[in-house]
């Protein structure tokens, strides 16, 4: 057997695959983090906050997490909606 054949193959970890996935722009990630934190502070439980962020909101005409992540104006709308719920 050759020395090359005896070497173990390189095994990539799950983290190595992450490089190929879509990454949101830094500003969108900041807005996403901000609105998530605000929702967690606004609702009594984590499950309620997640349901709000991922559910369709009639008042906003869309999913709050998507709207807030997409643009600064969307973030403002979701922040206002959260404040109105308090």
PDB file of N, CA and C in Angstrom:
ATOM      1  N   UNK A   1       0.835  -1.181   0.000  1.00  0.00           N
ATOM      2  CA  UNK A   1       0.000   0.000   0.000  1.00  0.00           C
ATOM      3  C   UNK A   1       0.880   1.245   0.000  1.00  0.00           C
ATOM      4  N   UNK A   2       0.461   2.262  -0.739  1.00  0.00           N
ATOM      5  CA  UNK A   2       1.246   3.487  -0.780  1.00  0.00           C
ATOM      6  C   UNK A   2       0.942   4.334   0.437  1.00  0.00           C
ATOM      7  N   UNK A   3       1.808   5.267   0.672  1.00  0.00           N
ATOM      8  CA  UNK A   3       1.638   6.154   1.820  1.00  0.00           C
ATOM      9  C   UNK A   3       0.387   7.013   1.670  1.00  0.00           C
ATOM     10  N   UNK A   4       0.077   7.420   0.440  1.00  0.00           N
ATOM     11  CA  UNK A   4      -1.113   8.238   0.200  1.00  0.00           C
ATOM     12  C   UNK A   4      -2.389   7.468   0.505  1.00  0.00           C
ATOM     13  N   UNK A   5      -2.420   6.184   0.146  1.00  0.00           N
ATOM     14  CA  UNK A   5      -3.603   5.379   0.374  1.00  0.00           C
ATOM     15  C   UNK A   5      -3.842   5.143   1.857  1.00  0.00           C
ATOM     16  N   UNK A   6      -2.809   5.192   2.650  1.00  0.00           N
ATOM     17  CA  UNK A   6      -2.945   4.942   4.077  1.00  0.00           C
ATOM     18  C   UNK A   6      -3.439   6.170   4.832  1.00  0.00           C
ATOM     19  N   UNK A   7      -3.318   7.340   4.236  1.00  0.00           N
ATOM     20  CA  UNK A   7      -3.781   8.560   4.884  1.00  0.00           C
ATOM     21  C   UNK A   7      -5.307   8.563   4.943  1.00  0.00           C
ATOM     22  N   UNK A   8      -5.817   9.105   6.017  1.00  0.00           N
ATOM     23  CA  UNK A   8      -7.265   9.193   6.161  1.00  0.00           C
ATOM     24  C   UNK A   8      -7.791  10.303   5.265  1.00  0.00           C
ATOM     25  N   UNK A   9      -8.976  10.113   4.704  1.00  0.00           N
ATOM     26  CA  UNK A   9      -9.556  11.174   3.877  1.00  0.00           C
ATOM     27  C   UNK A   9      -9.947  12.359   4.755  1.00  0.00           C
ATOM     28  N   UNK A  10      -9.961  13.520   4.139  1.00  0.00           N
ATOM     29  CA  UNK A  10     -10.341  14.732   4.860  1.00  0.00           C
ATOM     30  C   UNK A  10     -11.854  14.713   5.046  1.00  0.00           C
ATOM     31  N   UNK A  11     -12.275  14.828   6.279  1.00  0.00           N
ATOM     32  CA  UNK A  11     -13.701  14.853   6.592  1.00  0.00           C
ATOM     33  C   UNK A  11     -14.085  16.282   6.922  1.00  0.00           C
ATOM     34  N   UNK A  12     -15.072  16.780   6.211  1.00  0.00           N
ATOM     35  CA  UNK A  12     -15.532  18.146   6.456  1.00  0.00           C
ATOM     36  C   UNK A  12     -16.615  18.123   7.529  1.00  0.00           C
ATOM     37  N   UNK A  13     -16.532  19.066   8.381  1.00  0.00           N
ATOM     38  CA  UNK A  13     -17.550  19.166   9.424  1.00  0.00           C
ATOM     39  C   UNK A  13     -18.800  19.836   8.866  1.00  0.00           C
ATOM     40  N   UNK A  14     -19.845  19.836   9.652  1.00  0.00           N
ATOM     41  CA  UNK A  14     -21.090  20.501   9.243  1.00  0.00           C
ATOM     42  C   UNK A  14     -20.864  21.984   9.005  1.00  0.00           C
ATOM     43  N   UNK A  15     -19.918  22.558   9.724  1.00  0.00           N
ATOM     44  CA  UNK A  15     -19.638  23.992   9.572  1.00  0.00           C
ATOM     45  C   UNK A  15     -19.066  24.311   8.197  1.00  0.00           C
ATOM     46  N   UNK A  16     -18.362  23.394   7.602  1.00  0.00           N
ATOM     47  CA  UNK A  16     -17.767  23.640   6.292  1.00  0.00           C
ATOM     48  C   UNK A  16     -18.849  23.850   5.229  1.00  0.00           C
ATOM     49  N   UNK A  17     -19.977  23.193   5.382  1.00  0.00           N
ATOM     50  CA  UNK A  17     -21.061  23.337   4.409  1.00  0.00           C
ATOM     51  C   UNK A  17     -21.718  24.705   4.491  1.00  0.00           C
ATOM     52  N   UNK A  18     -21.623  25.349   5.627  1.00  0.00           N
ATOM     53  CA  UNK A  18     -22.286  26.638   5.803  1.00  0.00           C
ATOM     54  C   UNK A  18     -21.738  27.699   4.851  1.00  0.00           C
ATOM     55  N   UNK A  19     -20.529  27.537   4.375  1.00  0.00           N
ATOM     56  CA  UNK A  19     -19.948  28.527   3.480  1.00  0.00           C
ATOM     57  C   UNK A  19     -20.724  28.637   2.167  1.00  0.00           C
ATOM     58  N   UNK A  20     -21.415  27.582   1.789  1.00  0.00           N
ATOM     59  CA  UNK A  20     -22.130  27.565   0.520  1.00  0.00           C
ATOM     60  C   UNK A  20     -23.545  28.103   0.620  1.00  0.00           C
ATOM     61  N   UNK A  21     -24.006  28.374   1.801  1.00  0.00           N
ATOM     62  CA  UNK A  21     -25.378  28.824   1.993  1.00  0.00           C
ATOM     63  C   UNK A  21     -25.489  30.333   1.838  1.00  0.00           C
ATOM     64  N   UNK A  22     -26.709  30.756   1.567  1.00  0.00           N
ATOM     65  CA  UNK A  22     -26.997  32.181   1.419  1.00  0.00           C
ATOM     66  C   UNK A  22     -26.809  32.892   2.757  1.00  0.00           C
ATOM     67  N   UNK A  23     -26.162  34.022   2.727  1.00  0.00           N
ATOM     68  CA  UNK A  23     -25.976  34.836   3.920  1.00  0.00           C
ATOM     69  C   UNK A  23     -26.666  36.175   3.695  1.00  0.00           C
ATOM     70  N   UNK A  24     -27.428  36.609   4.704  1.00  0.00           N
ATOM     71  CA  UNK A  24     -28.096  37.890   4.540  1.00  0.00           C
ATOM     72  C   UNK A  24     -27.087  39.010   4.761  1.00  0.00           C
ATOM     73  N   UNK A  25     -27.312  40.146   4.127  1.00  0.00           N
ATOM     74  CA  UNK A  25     -26.399  41.282   4.285  1.00  0.00           C
ATOM     75  C   UNK A  25     -26.320  41.715   5.755  1.00  0.00           C
ATOM     76  N   UNK A  26     -25.195  42.271   6.170  1.00  0.00           N
ATOM     77  CA  UNK A  26     -24.999  42.665   7.574  1.00  0.00           C
ATOM     78  C   UNK A  26     -26.084  43.595   8.115  1.00  0.00           C
ATOM     79  N   UNK A  27     -26.532  44.564   7.340  1.00  0.00           N
ATOM     80  CA  UNK A  27     -27.558  45.490   7.815  1.00  0.00           C
ATOM     81  C   UNK A  27     -28.885  44.767   8.043  1.00  0.00           C
ATOM     82  N   UNK A  28     -29.219  43.832   7.161  1.00  0.00           N
ATOM     83  CA  UNK A  28     -30.445  43.057   7.325  1.00  0.00           C
ATOM     84  C   UNK A  28     -30.342  42.173   8.570  1.00  0.00           C
ATOM     85  N   UNK A  29     -29.176  41.612   8.811  1.00  0.00           N
ATOM     86  CA  UNK A  29     -28.962  40.778  10.000  1.00  0.00           C
ATOM     87  C   UNK A  29     -29.115  41.604  11.280  1.00  0.00           C
ATOM     88  N   UNK A  30     -28.653  42.838  11.249  1.00  0.00           N
ATOM     89  CA  UNK A  30     -28.813  43.723  12.423  1.00  0.00           C
ATOM     90  C   UNK A  30     -30.284  43.999  12.683  1.00  0.00           C
ATOM     91  N   UNK A  31     -31.032  44.278  11.614  1.00  0.00           N
ATOM     92  CA  UNK A  31     -32.464  44.542  11.778  1.00  0.00           C
ATOM     93  C   UNK A  31     -33.185  43.289  12.288  1.00  0.00           C
ATOM     94  N   UNK A  32     -32.799  42.139  11.781  1.00  0.00           N
ATOM     95  CA  UNK A  32     -33.408  40.882  12.211  1.00  0.00           C
ATOM     96  C   UNK A  32     -33.144  40.635  13.700  1.00  0.00           C
ATOM     97  N   UNK A  33     -31.915  40.856  14.125  1.00  0.00           N
ATOM     98  CA  UNK A  33     -31.575  40.684  15.536  1.00  0.00           C
ATOM     99  C   UNK A  33     -32.318  41.659  16.426  1.00  0.00           C
ATOM    100  N   UNK A  34     -32.420  42.905  15.985  1.00  0.00           N
ATOM    101  CA  UNK A  34     -33.106  43.930  16.768  1.00  0.00           C
ATOM    102  C   UNK A  34     -34.581  43.603  16.949  1.00  0.00           C
ATOM    103  N   UNK A  35     -35.248  43.241  15.864  1.00  0.00           N
ATOM    104  CA  UNK A  35     -36.680  42.977  15.972  1.00  0.00           C
ATOM    105  C   UNK A  35     -36.945  41.698  16.753  1.00  0.00           C
ATOM    106  N   UNK A  36     -36.060  40.738  16.657  1.00  0.00           N
ATOM    107  CA  UNK A  36     -36.209  39.509  17.443  1.00  0.00           C
ATOM    108  C   UNK A  36     -36.089  39.818  18.929  1.00  0.00           C
ATOM    109  N   UNK A  37     -35.093  40.602  19.278  1.00  0.00           N
ATOM    110  CA  UNK A  37     -34.893  40.991  20.680  1.00  0.00           C
ATOM    111  C   UNK A  37     -36.101  41.777  21.202  1.00  0.00           C
ATOM    112  N   UNK A  38     -36.601  42.694  20.401  1.00  0.00           N
ATOM    113  CA  UNK A  38     -37.756  43.487  20.816  1.00  0.00           C
ATOM    114  C   UNK A  38     -38.999  42.612  21.007  1.00  0.00           C
ATOM    115  N   UNK A  39     -39.204  41.659  20.115  1.00  0.00           N
ATOM    116  CA  UNK A  39     -40.360  40.764  20.235  1.00  0.00           C
ATOM    117  C   UNK A  39     -40.245  39.906  21.493  1.00  0.00           C
ATOM    118  N   UNK A  40     -39.045  39.417  21.776  1.00  0.00           N
ATOM    119  CA  UNK A  40     -38.846  38.609  22.977  1.00  0.00           C
ATOM    120  C   UNK A  40     -39.136  39.414  24.238  1.00  0.00           C
ATOM    121  N   UNK A  41     -38.844  40.711  24.201  1.00  0.00           N
ATOM    122  CA  UNK A  41     -39.107  41.580  25.351  1.00  0.00           C
ATOM    123  C   UNK A  41     -40.582  41.983  25.428  1.00  0.00           C
ATOM    124  N   UNK A  42     -41.280  41.969  24.308  1.00  0.00           N
ATOM    125  CA  UNK A  42     -42.657  42.442  24.255  1.00  0.00           C
ATOM    126  C   UNK A  42     -43.697  41.386  24.630  1.00  0.00           C
ATOM    127  N   UNK A  43     -43.366  40.132  24.426  1.00  0.00           N
ATOM    128  CA  UNK A  43     -44.327  39.061  24.686  1.00  0.00           C
ATOM    129  C   UNK A  43     -43.964  38.315  25.963  1.00  0.00           C
ATOM    130  N   UNK A  44     -44.957  37.679  26.551  1.00  0.00           N
ATOM    131  CA  UNK A  44     -44.763  36.981  27.824  1.00  0.00           C
ATOM    132  C   UNK A  44     -43.863  35.750  27.681  1.00  0.00           C
ATOM    133  N   UNK A  45     -43.959  35.072  26.531  1.00  0.00           N
ATOM    134  CA  UNK A  45     -43.153  33.865  26.343  1.00  0.00           C
ATOM    135  C   UNK A  45     -42.399  33.917  25.015  1.00  0.00           C
ATOM    136  N   UNK A  46     -41.375  33.119  24.948  1.00  0.00           N
ATOM    137  CA  UNK A  46     -40.578  33.003  23.724  1.00  0.00           C
ATOM    138  C   UNK A  46     -41.446  32.473  22.579  1.00  0.00           C
ATOM    139  N   UNK A  47     -42.304  31.508  22.887  1.00  0.00           N
ATOM    140  CA  UNK A  47     -43.170  30.929  21.859  1.00  0.00           C
ATOM    141  C   UNK A  47     -44.116  31.968  21.260  1.00  0.00           C
ATOM    142  N   UNK A  48     -44.640  32.855  22.085  1.00  0.00           N
ATOM    143  CA  UNK A  48     -45.518  33.919  21.581  1.00  0.00           C
ATOM    144  C   UNK A  48     -44.749  34.870  20.670  1.00  0.00           C
ATOM    145  N   UNK A  49     -43.528  35.209  21.056  1.00  0.00           N
ATOM    146  CA  UNK A  49     -42.707  36.105  20.238  1.00  0.00           C
ATOM    147  C   UNK A  49     -42.389  35.480  18.894  1.00  0.00           C
ATOM    148  N   UNK A  50     -42.028  34.209  18.900  1.00  0.00           N
ATOM    149  CA  UNK A  50     -41.701  33.519  17.646  1.00  0.00           C
ATOM    150  C   UNK A  50     -42.939  33.407  16.759  1.00  0.00           C
ATOM    151  N   UNK A  51     -44.089  33.109  17.372  1.00  0.00           N
ATOM    152  CA  UNK A  51     -45.329  33.015  16.595  1.00  0.00           C
ATOM    153  C   UNK A  51     -45.657  34.360  15.954  1.00  0.00           C
ATOM    154  N   UNK A  52     -45.456  35.443  16.691  1.00  0.00           N
ATOM    155  CA  UNK A  52     -45.703  36.784  16.138  1.00  0.00           C
ATOM    156  C   UNK A  52     -44.763  37.060  14.962  1.00  0.00           C
ATOM    157  N   UNK A  53     -43.491  36.822  15.155  1.00  0.00           N
ATOM    158  CA  UNK A  53     -42.503  37.129  14.120  1.00  0.00           C
ATOM    159  C   UNK A  53     -42.719  36.320  12.844  1.00  0.00           C
ATOM    160  N   UNK A  54     -43.133  35.078  12.982  1.00  0.00           N
ATOM    161  CA  UNK A  54     -43.256  34.188  11.823  1.00  0.00           C
ATOM    162  C   UNK A  54     -44.666  34.093  11.263  1.00  0.00           C
ATOM    163  N   UNK A  55     -45.638  34.661  11.963  1.00  0.00           N
ATOM    164  CA  UNK A  55     -47.021  34.589  11.491  1.00  0.00           C
ATOM    165  C   UNK A  55     -47.381  35.762  10.602  1.00  0.00           C
ATOM    166  N   UNK A  56     -48.441  35.588   9.853  1.00  0.00           N
ATOM    167  CA  UNK A  56     -48.947  36.681   9.014  1.00  0.00           C
ATOM    168  C   UNK A  56     -49.637  37.698   9.909  1.00  0.00           C
ATOM    169  N   UNK A  57     -49.285  38.949   9.756  1.00  0.00           N
ATOM    170  CA  UNK A  57     -49.890  40.027  10.529  1.00  0.00           C
ATOM    171  C   UNK A  57     -50.739  40.863   9.576  1.00  0.00           C
ATOM    172  N   UNK A  58     -52.040  40.882   9.818  1.00  0.00           N
ATOM    173  CA  UNK A  58     -52.958  41.612   8.940  1.00  0.00           C
ATOM    174  C   UNK A  58     -52.629  43.105   8.933  1.00  0.00           C
ATOM    175  N   UNK A  59     -52.334  43.648  10.100  1.00  0.00           N
ATOM    176  CA  UNK A  59     -52.039  45.083  10.201  1.00  0.00           C
ATOM    177  C   UNK A  59     -50.804  45.473   9.390  1.00  0.00           C
ATOM    178  N   UNK A  60     -49.853  44.557   9.277  1.00  0.00           N
ATOM    179  CA  UNK A  60     -48.613  44.845   8.545  1.00  0.00           C
ATOM    180  C   UNK A  60     -48.633  44.301   7.120  1.00  0.00           C
ATOM    181  N   UNK A  61     -49.625  43.503   6.811  1.00  0.00           N
ATOM    182  CA  UNK A  61     -49.745  42.867   5.491  1.00  0.00           C
ATOM    183  C   UNK A  61     -48.532  41.998   5.171  1.00  0.00           C
ATOM    184  N   UNK A  62     -48.120  41.213   6.146  1.00  0.00           N
ATOM    185  CA  UNK A  62     -47.005  40.308   5.925  1.00  0.00           C
ATOM    186  C   UNK A  62     -46.456  39.754   7.228  1.00  0.00           C
ATOM    187  N   UNK A  63     -45.383  38.993   7.116  1.00  0.00           N
ATOM    188  CA  UNK A  63     -44.722  38.430   8.288  1.00  0.00           C
ATOM    189  C   UNK A  63     -43.801  39.491   8.893  1.00  0.00           C
ATOM    190  N   UNK A  64     -43.959  39.800  10.170  1.00  0.00           N
ATOM    191  CA  UNK A  64     -43.132  40.835  10.791  1.00  0.00           C
ATOM    192  C   UNK A  64     -41.620  40.616  10.632  1.00  0.00           C
ATOM    193  N   UNK A  65     -41.158  39.388  10.770  1.00  0.00           N
ATOM    194  CA  UNK A  65     -39.720  39.137  10.649  1.00  0.00           C
ATOM    195  C   UNK A  65     -39.223  39.469   9.244  1.00  0.00           C
ATOM    196  N   UNK A  66     -39.979  39.087   8.234  1.00  0.00           N
ATOM    197  CA  UNK A  66     -39.592  39.386   6.848  1.00  0.00           C
ATOM    198  C   UNK A  66     -39.581  40.891   6.591  1.00  0.00           C
ATOM    199  N   UNK A  67     -40.622  41.565   7.054  1.00  0.00           N
ATOM    200  CA  UNK A  67     -40.729  43.012   6.825  1.00  0.00           C
ATOM    201  C   UNK A  67     -39.589  43.766   7.496  1.00  0.00           C
ATOM    202  N   UNK A  68     -39.312  43.422   8.755  1.00  0.00           N
ATOM    203  CA  UNK A  68     -38.263  44.121   9.495  1.00  0.00           C
ATOM    204  C   UNK A  68     -36.882  43.845   8.918  1.00  0.00           C
ATOM    205  N   UNK A  69     -36.668  42.648   8.443  1.00  0.00           N
ATOM    206  CA  UNK A  69     -35.364  42.281   7.884  1.00  0.00           C
ATOM    207  C   UNK A  69     -35.154  42.921   6.517  1.00  0.00           C
ATOM    208  N   UNK A  70     -36.216  43.065   5.754  1.00  0.00           N
ATOM    209  CA  UNK A  70     -36.113  43.539   4.375  1.00  0.00           C
ATOM    210  C   UNK A  70     -35.657  44.988   4.233  1.00  0.00           C
ATOM    211  N   UNK A  71     -36.142  45.882   5.108  1.00  0.00           N
ATOM    212  CA  UNK A  71     -35.800  47.297   4.926  1.00  0.00           C
ATOM    213  C   UNK A  71     -35.921  48.066   6.235  1.00  0.00           C
ATOM    214  N   UNK A  72     -35.246  49.206   6.316  1.00  0.00           N
ATOM    215  CA  UNK A  72     -35.392  50.055   7.507  1.00  0.00           C
ATOM    216  C   UNK A  72     -36.833  50.517   7.719  1.00  0.00           C
ATOM    217  N   UNK A  73     -37.548  50.803   6.640  1.00  0.00           N
ATOM    218  CA  UNK A  73     -38.945  51.221   6.763  1.00  0.00           C
ATOM    219  C   UNK A  73     -39.794  50.084   7.322  1.00  0.00           C
ATOM    220  N   UNK A  74     -39.542  48.870   6.873  1.00  0.00           N
ATOM    221  CA  UNK A  74     -40.255  47.705   7.399  1.00  0.00           C
ATOM    222  C   UNK A  74     -39.977  47.515   8.877  1.00  0.00           C
ATOM    223  N   UNK A  75     -38.738  47.750   9.274  1.00  0.00           N
ATOM    224  CA  UNK A  75     -38.375  47.664  10.691  1.00  0.00           C
ATOM    225  C   UNK A  75     -39.179  48.676  11.497  1.00  0.00           C
ATOM    226  N   UNK A  76     -39.274  49.893  11.004  1.00  0.00           N
ATOM    227  CA  UNK A  76     -40.042  50.936  11.693  1.00  0.00           C
ATOM    228  C   UNK A  76     -41.498  50.525  11.859  1.00  0.00           C
ATOM    229  N   UNK A  77     -42.081  49.928  10.828  1.00  0.00           N
ATOM    230  CA  UNK A  77     -43.472  49.505  10.891  1.00  0.00           C
ATOM    231  C   UNK A  77     -43.684  48.418  11.941  1.00  0.00           C
ATOM    232  N   UNK A  78     -42.770  47.457  11.994  1.00  0.00           N
ATOM    233  CA  UNK A  78     -42.901  46.363  12.956  1.00  0.00           C
ATOM    234  C   UNK A  78     -42.674  46.879  14.375  1.00  0.00           C
ATOM    235  N   UNK A  79     -41.716  47.773  14.554  1.00  0.00           N
ATOM    236  CA  UNK A  79     -41.473  48.377  15.873  1.00  0.00           C
ATOM    237  C   UNK A  79     -42.733  49.107  16.340  1.00  0.00           C
ATOM    238  N   UNK A  80     -43.349  49.866  15.446  1.00  0.00           N
ATOM    239  CA  UNK A  80     -44.576  50.595  15.797  1.00  0.00           C
ATOM    240  C   UNK A  80     -45.686  49.619  16.170  1.00  0.00           C
ATOM    241  N   UNK A  81     -45.788  48.508  15.435  1.00  0.00           N
ATOM    242  CA  UNK A  81     -46.813  47.509  15.731  1.00  0.00           C
ATOM    243  C   UNK A  81     -46.573  46.876  17.106  1.00  0.00           C
ATOM    244  N   UNK A  82     -45.341  46.595  17.424  1.00  0.00           N
ATOM    245  CA  UNK A  82     -45.017  46.034  18.743  1.00  0.00           C
ATOM    246  C   UNK A  82     -45.357  47.025  19.854  1.00  0.00           C
ATOM    247  N   UNK A  83     -45.060  48.285  19.631  1.00  0.00           N
ATOM    248  CA  UNK A  83     -45.365  49.308  20.641  1.00  0.00           C
ATOM    249  C   UNK A  83     -46.868  49.459  20.848  1.00  0.00           C
ATOM    250  N   UNK A  84     -47.630  49.339  19.774  1.00  0.00           N
ATOM    251  CA  UNK A  84     -49.089  49.444  19.863  1.00  0.00           C
ATOM    252  C   UNK A  84     -49.705  48.264  20.614  1.00  0.00           C
ATOM    253  N   UNK A  85     -49.023  47.132  20.605  1.00  0.00           N
ATOM    254  CA  UNK A  85     -49.513  45.936  21.292  1.00  0.00           C
ATOM    255  C   UNK A  85     -49.272  46.014  22.794  1.00  0.00           C
ATOM    256  N   UNK A  86     -48.358  46.849  23.227  1.00  0.00           N
ATOM    257  CA  UNK A  86     -48.010  46.933  24.658  1.00  0.00           C
ATOM    258  C   UNK A  86     -49.014  47.707  25.454  1.00  0.00           C
TER     259      UNK A  86
END
